[in-house]
N, C-alpha and C. Protein backbone atom coordinates (compact mmCIF):
# COMPACT_ATOMS: atom_id res chain seq x y z
N MET A 1 0.85 -1.17 0.00
CA MET A 1 0.00 0.00 0.00
C MET A 1 0.89 1.23 0.00
N THR A 2 0.78 2.05 -1.00
CA THR A 2 1.53 3.29 -1.06
C THR A 2 0.56 4.44 -1.21
N ALA A 3 0.87 5.51 -0.53
CA ALA A 3 0.03 6.70 -0.62
C ALA A 3 0.92 7.91 -0.41
N THR A 4 0.55 8.96 -1.05
CA THR A 4 1.27 10.21 -0.87
C THR A 4 0.44 11.09 0.04
N ALA A 5 1.02 11.44 1.18
CA ALA A 5 0.30 12.27 2.14
C ALA A 5 0.60 13.73 1.87
N THR A 6 -0.42 14.53 1.86
CA THR A 6 -0.28 15.96 1.69
C THR A 6 -0.73 16.63 2.96
N SER A 7 0.12 17.44 3.52
CA SER A 7 -0.19 18.10 4.78
C SER A 7 -1.05 19.33 4.52
N THR A 8 -2.15 19.42 5.28
CA THR A 8 -3.01 20.59 5.17
C THR A 8 -2.89 21.48 6.39
N ARG A 9 -1.97 21.12 7.27
CA ARG A 9 -1.77 21.93 8.48
C ARG A 9 -1.02 23.21 8.14
N ALA A 10 -1.40 24.26 8.83
CA ALA A 10 -0.69 25.52 8.66
C ALA A 10 0.64 25.42 9.40
N ALA A 11 1.63 26.11 8.90
CA ALA A 11 2.94 26.11 9.55
C ALA A 11 2.81 26.72 10.95
N LYS A 12 3.46 26.07 11.89
CA LYS A 12 3.42 26.56 13.26
C LYS A 12 4.39 27.70 13.45
N LYS A 13 3.99 28.64 14.27
CA LYS A 13 4.86 29.75 14.60
C LYS A 13 5.97 29.24 15.51
N GLU A 14 7.19 29.62 15.23
CA GLU A 14 8.31 29.19 16.06
C GLU A 14 8.14 29.81 17.44
N GLY A 15 8.37 29.01 18.44
CA GLY A 15 8.15 29.50 19.80
C GLY A 15 9.35 29.27 20.69
N SER A 16 9.09 29.46 21.94
CA SER A 16 10.11 29.29 22.96
C SER A 16 9.49 28.51 24.11
N ILE A 17 10.30 27.75 24.80
CA ILE A 17 9.81 27.01 25.95
C ILE A 17 9.29 27.96 27.03
N ALA A 18 9.78 29.17 27.02
CA ALA A 18 9.32 30.16 27.99
C ALA A 18 7.84 30.48 27.82
N ALA A 19 7.29 30.22 26.63
CA ALA A 19 5.87 30.47 26.41
C ALA A 19 5.01 29.52 27.23
N ILE A 20 5.56 28.40 27.62
CA ILE A 20 4.82 27.41 28.41
C ILE A 20 5.09 27.58 29.90
N PHE A 21 6.34 27.84 30.25
CA PHE A 21 6.74 27.96 31.64
C PHE A 21 6.95 29.42 32.00
N THR A 22 5.98 29.99 32.69
CA THR A 22 6.10 31.41 33.04
C THR A 22 7.23 31.64 34.03
N SER A 23 7.71 30.58 34.68
CA SER A 23 8.83 30.76 35.61
C SER A 23 10.11 31.16 34.87
N LEU A 24 10.11 31.01 33.54
CA LEU A 24 11.26 31.39 32.74
C LEU A 24 11.14 32.82 32.20
N THR A 25 10.08 33.48 32.55
CA THR A 25 9.86 34.85 32.08
C THR A 25 9.63 35.77 33.26
N ASP A 26 9.42 37.02 32.95
CA ASP A 26 9.09 37.99 33.99
C ASP A 26 7.59 38.09 34.23
N GLU A 27 6.81 37.22 33.56
CA GLU A 27 5.37 37.26 33.72
C GLU A 27 4.96 36.81 35.12
N GLU A 28 3.79 37.29 35.53
CA GLU A 28 3.26 36.89 36.83
C GLU A 28 2.83 35.42 36.76
N HIS A 29 3.15 34.68 37.78
CA HIS A 29 2.81 33.25 37.83
C HIS A 29 1.34 33.08 38.17
N ASN A 30 0.74 32.07 37.57
CA ASN A 30 -0.63 31.72 37.92
C ASN A 30 -0.62 31.02 39.27
N VAL A 31 -1.44 31.48 40.17
CA VAL A 31 -1.54 30.85 41.48
C VAL A 31 -2.71 29.89 41.43
N LEU A 32 -2.41 28.63 41.71
CA LEU A 32 -3.45 27.60 41.68
C LEU A 32 -4.19 27.56 43.01
N PRO A 33 -5.43 27.10 42.99
CA PRO A 33 -6.19 26.97 44.23
C PRO A 33 -5.51 25.99 45.20
N ASP A 34 -5.81 26.13 46.48
CA ASP A 34 -5.19 25.31 47.53
C ASP A 34 -5.39 23.82 47.30
N ARG A 35 -6.47 23.44 46.64
CA ARG A 35 -6.72 22.01 46.43
C ARG A 35 -5.60 21.36 45.63
N PHE A 36 -4.90 22.11 44.78
CA PHE A 36 -3.79 21.56 44.02
C PHE A 36 -2.59 21.29 44.94
N THR A 37 -2.39 22.12 45.92
CA THR A 37 -1.33 21.88 46.90
C THR A 37 -1.62 20.60 47.66
N ASP A 38 -2.87 20.42 48.05
CA ASP A 38 -3.26 19.20 48.76
C ASP A 38 -3.07 17.97 47.88
N LEU A 39 -3.42 18.07 46.60
CA LEU A 39 -3.23 16.96 45.68
C LEU A 39 -1.75 16.59 45.55
N LYS A 40 -0.90 17.60 45.43
CA LYS A 40 0.54 17.36 45.29
C LYS A 40 1.09 16.70 46.55
N ARG A 41 0.67 17.16 47.70
CA ARG A 41 1.13 16.54 48.95
C ARG A 41 0.68 15.08 49.03
N GLY A 42 -0.52 14.80 48.51
CA GLY A 42 -1.02 13.43 48.52
C GLY A 42 -0.24 12.51 47.61
N LEU A 43 0.32 13.06 46.52
CA LEU A 43 1.10 12.26 45.59
C LEU A 43 2.48 11.90 46.14
N TRP A 44 3.08 12.84 46.85
CA TRP A 44 4.43 12.63 47.37
C TRP A 44 4.34 11.90 48.69
N ASN A 45 4.62 10.61 48.64
CA ASN A 45 4.61 9.83 49.87
C ASN A 45 5.75 8.82 49.80
N GLU A 46 5.95 8.09 50.85
CA GLU A 46 7.08 7.15 50.92
C GLU A 46 6.96 6.05 49.86
N GLY A 47 5.72 5.64 49.52
CA GLY A 47 5.54 4.63 48.50
C GLY A 47 6.07 5.08 47.15
N LEU A 48 5.84 6.34 46.81
CA LEU A 48 6.33 6.89 45.55
C LEU A 48 7.85 6.92 45.54
N VAL A 49 8.43 7.34 46.63
CA VAL A 49 9.89 7.42 46.73
C VAL A 49 10.49 6.02 46.61
N GLU A 50 9.90 5.05 47.29
CA GLU A 50 10.40 3.67 47.23
C GLU A 50 10.27 3.11 45.82
N SER A 51 9.16 3.39 45.15
CA SER A 51 8.98 2.95 43.77
C SER A 51 10.06 3.53 42.87
N TRP A 52 10.38 4.80 43.07
CA TRP A 52 11.41 5.45 42.26
C TRP A 52 12.77 4.81 42.51
N ARG A 53 13.04 4.45 43.76
CA ARG A 53 14.31 3.78 44.07
C ARG A 53 14.39 2.43 43.35
N GLU A 54 13.28 1.71 43.27
CA GLU A 54 13.25 0.44 42.56
C GLU A 54 13.52 0.64 41.06
N VAL A 55 12.93 1.69 40.50
CA VAL A 55 13.18 2.00 39.08
C VAL A 55 14.66 2.29 38.86
N LEU A 56 15.25 3.08 39.74
CA LEU A 56 16.67 3.41 39.60
C LEU A 56 17.55 2.17 39.71
N ALA A 57 17.21 1.24 40.60
CA ALA A 57 17.98 0.01 40.74
C ALA A 57 17.91 -0.82 39.46
N GLU A 58 16.70 -0.94 38.88
CA GLU A 58 16.54 -1.68 37.63
C GLU A 58 17.30 -0.99 36.49
N LEU A 59 17.25 0.32 36.48
CA LEU A 59 17.95 1.08 35.45
C LEU A 59 19.45 0.87 35.55
N GLU A 60 19.96 0.80 36.75
CA GLU A 60 21.40 0.57 36.94
C GLU A 60 21.79 -0.79 36.37
N THR A 61 20.98 -1.81 36.65
CA THR A 61 21.24 -3.15 36.12
C THR A 61 21.20 -3.14 34.60
N ALA A 62 20.18 -2.51 34.04
CA ALA A 62 20.06 -2.45 32.58
C ALA A 62 21.22 -1.68 31.96
N THR A 63 21.64 -0.61 32.61
CA THR A 63 22.75 0.19 32.10
C THR A 63 24.04 -0.62 32.09
N GLU A 64 24.25 -1.41 33.14
CA GLU A 64 25.44 -2.25 33.19
C GLU A 64 25.42 -3.30 32.08
N GLU A 65 24.24 -3.85 31.79
CA GLU A 65 24.11 -4.84 30.73
C GLU A 65 24.43 -4.22 29.37
N VAL A 66 23.91 -3.04 29.12
CA VAL A 66 24.17 -2.36 27.85
C VAL A 66 25.65 -2.02 27.74
N ALA A 67 26.25 -1.59 28.84
CA ALA A 67 27.67 -1.23 28.82
C ALA A 67 28.53 -2.46 28.54
N SER A 68 28.15 -3.61 29.07
CA SER A 68 28.97 -4.81 28.86
C SER A 68 28.73 -5.46 27.50
N LYS A 69 27.50 -5.44 27.01
CA LYS A 69 27.19 -6.11 25.74
C LYS A 69 27.30 -5.19 24.54
N GLY A 70 27.24 -3.89 24.78
CA GLY A 70 27.34 -2.95 23.67
C GLY A 70 26.17 -3.09 22.71
N SER A 71 26.46 -3.03 21.42
CA SER A 71 25.39 -3.08 20.42
C SER A 71 24.75 -4.46 20.33
N GLU A 72 25.35 -5.47 20.93
CA GLU A 72 24.77 -6.81 20.91
C GLU A 72 23.48 -6.89 21.73
N VAL A 73 23.23 -5.90 22.57
CA VAL A 73 22.02 -5.92 23.39
C VAL A 73 20.78 -5.61 22.55
N SER A 74 20.97 -4.99 21.39
CA SER A 74 19.86 -4.64 20.51
C SER A 74 19.57 -5.78 19.56
N ARG A 75 18.29 -6.05 19.36
CA ARG A 75 17.88 -7.08 18.42
C ARG A 75 18.07 -6.56 16.99
N ARG A 76 18.56 -7.40 16.13
CA ARG A 76 18.73 -7.02 14.73
C ARG A 76 17.63 -7.70 13.92
N ILE A 77 16.96 -6.92 13.12
CA ILE A 77 15.86 -7.42 12.30
C ILE A 77 16.19 -7.15 10.84
N THR A 78 16.15 -8.19 10.04
CA THR A 78 16.45 -8.04 8.62
C THR A 78 15.20 -7.59 7.88
N SER A 79 15.42 -7.05 6.71
CA SER A 79 14.27 -6.64 5.90
C SER A 79 13.43 -7.83 5.49
N GLN A 80 14.04 -9.01 5.34
CA GLN A 80 13.29 -10.21 5.00
C GLN A 80 12.27 -10.55 6.10
N ILE A 81 12.66 -10.38 7.34
CA ILE A 81 11.73 -10.64 8.45
C ILE A 81 10.57 -9.66 8.39
N ILE A 82 10.85 -8.41 8.14
CA ILE A 82 9.80 -7.39 8.07
C ILE A 82 8.85 -7.70 6.91
N ILE A 83 9.40 -8.05 5.76
CA ILE A 83 8.56 -8.37 4.60
C ILE A 83 7.72 -9.60 4.89
N ALA A 84 8.32 -10.62 5.47
CA ALA A 84 7.59 -11.85 5.79
C ALA A 84 6.46 -11.57 6.78
N LYS A 85 6.73 -10.76 7.76
CA LYS A 85 5.70 -10.44 8.76
C LYS A 85 4.59 -9.59 8.15
N SER A 86 4.93 -8.69 7.23
CA SER A 86 3.90 -7.84 6.64
C SER A 86 3.02 -8.62 5.67
N ASP A 87 3.53 -9.74 5.14
CA ASP A 87 2.75 -10.56 4.23
C ASP A 87 1.76 -11.47 4.95
N THR A 88 1.96 -11.69 6.23
CA THR A 88 1.06 -12.54 6.99
C THR A 88 -0.05 -11.69 7.58
N GLU A 89 -1.13 -12.34 7.91
CA GLU A 89 -2.23 -11.59 8.51
C GLU A 89 -2.10 -11.64 10.02
N CYS A 90 -1.44 -10.66 10.54
CA CYS A 90 -1.30 -10.56 11.98
C CYS A 90 -1.49 -9.09 12.36
N SER A 91 -2.26 -8.88 13.37
CA SER A 91 -2.53 -7.51 13.77
C SER A 91 -2.56 -7.45 15.29
N PRO A 92 -1.64 -6.84 15.93
CA PRO A 92 -0.40 -6.26 15.38
C PRO A 92 0.66 -7.34 15.22
N CYS A 93 1.57 -7.15 14.29
CA CYS A 93 2.66 -8.11 14.09
C CYS A 93 3.70 -7.89 15.18
N VAL A 94 4.15 -8.96 15.75
CA VAL A 94 5.19 -8.89 16.76
C VAL A 94 6.38 -9.67 16.24
N VAL A 95 7.50 -8.99 16.11
CA VAL A 95 8.72 -9.64 15.64
C VAL A 95 9.39 -10.23 16.85
N GLN A 96 9.65 -11.54 16.79
CA GLN A 96 10.29 -12.21 17.94
C GLN A 96 11.74 -12.40 17.72
């Protein structure tokens, strides 16, 4: 299946990250209602911190594996595999 896509979107105006984060400008900051402070306090708890520590430990292990194996850690897929998978009726196709 081949198709030529034509974009009908108007070009976006170039911007700056400061347009999103008023803390990066001299603009007055929006003050949120107190309920947002309460929500934030509810999110930050020991369970969240412990979960983050677990993520960091797993990341360290994965980083060590990538450092030791180098590019061998990535699976290599040939174009023949992709063509063979696209010819079969599988949705979604999973390359093993």
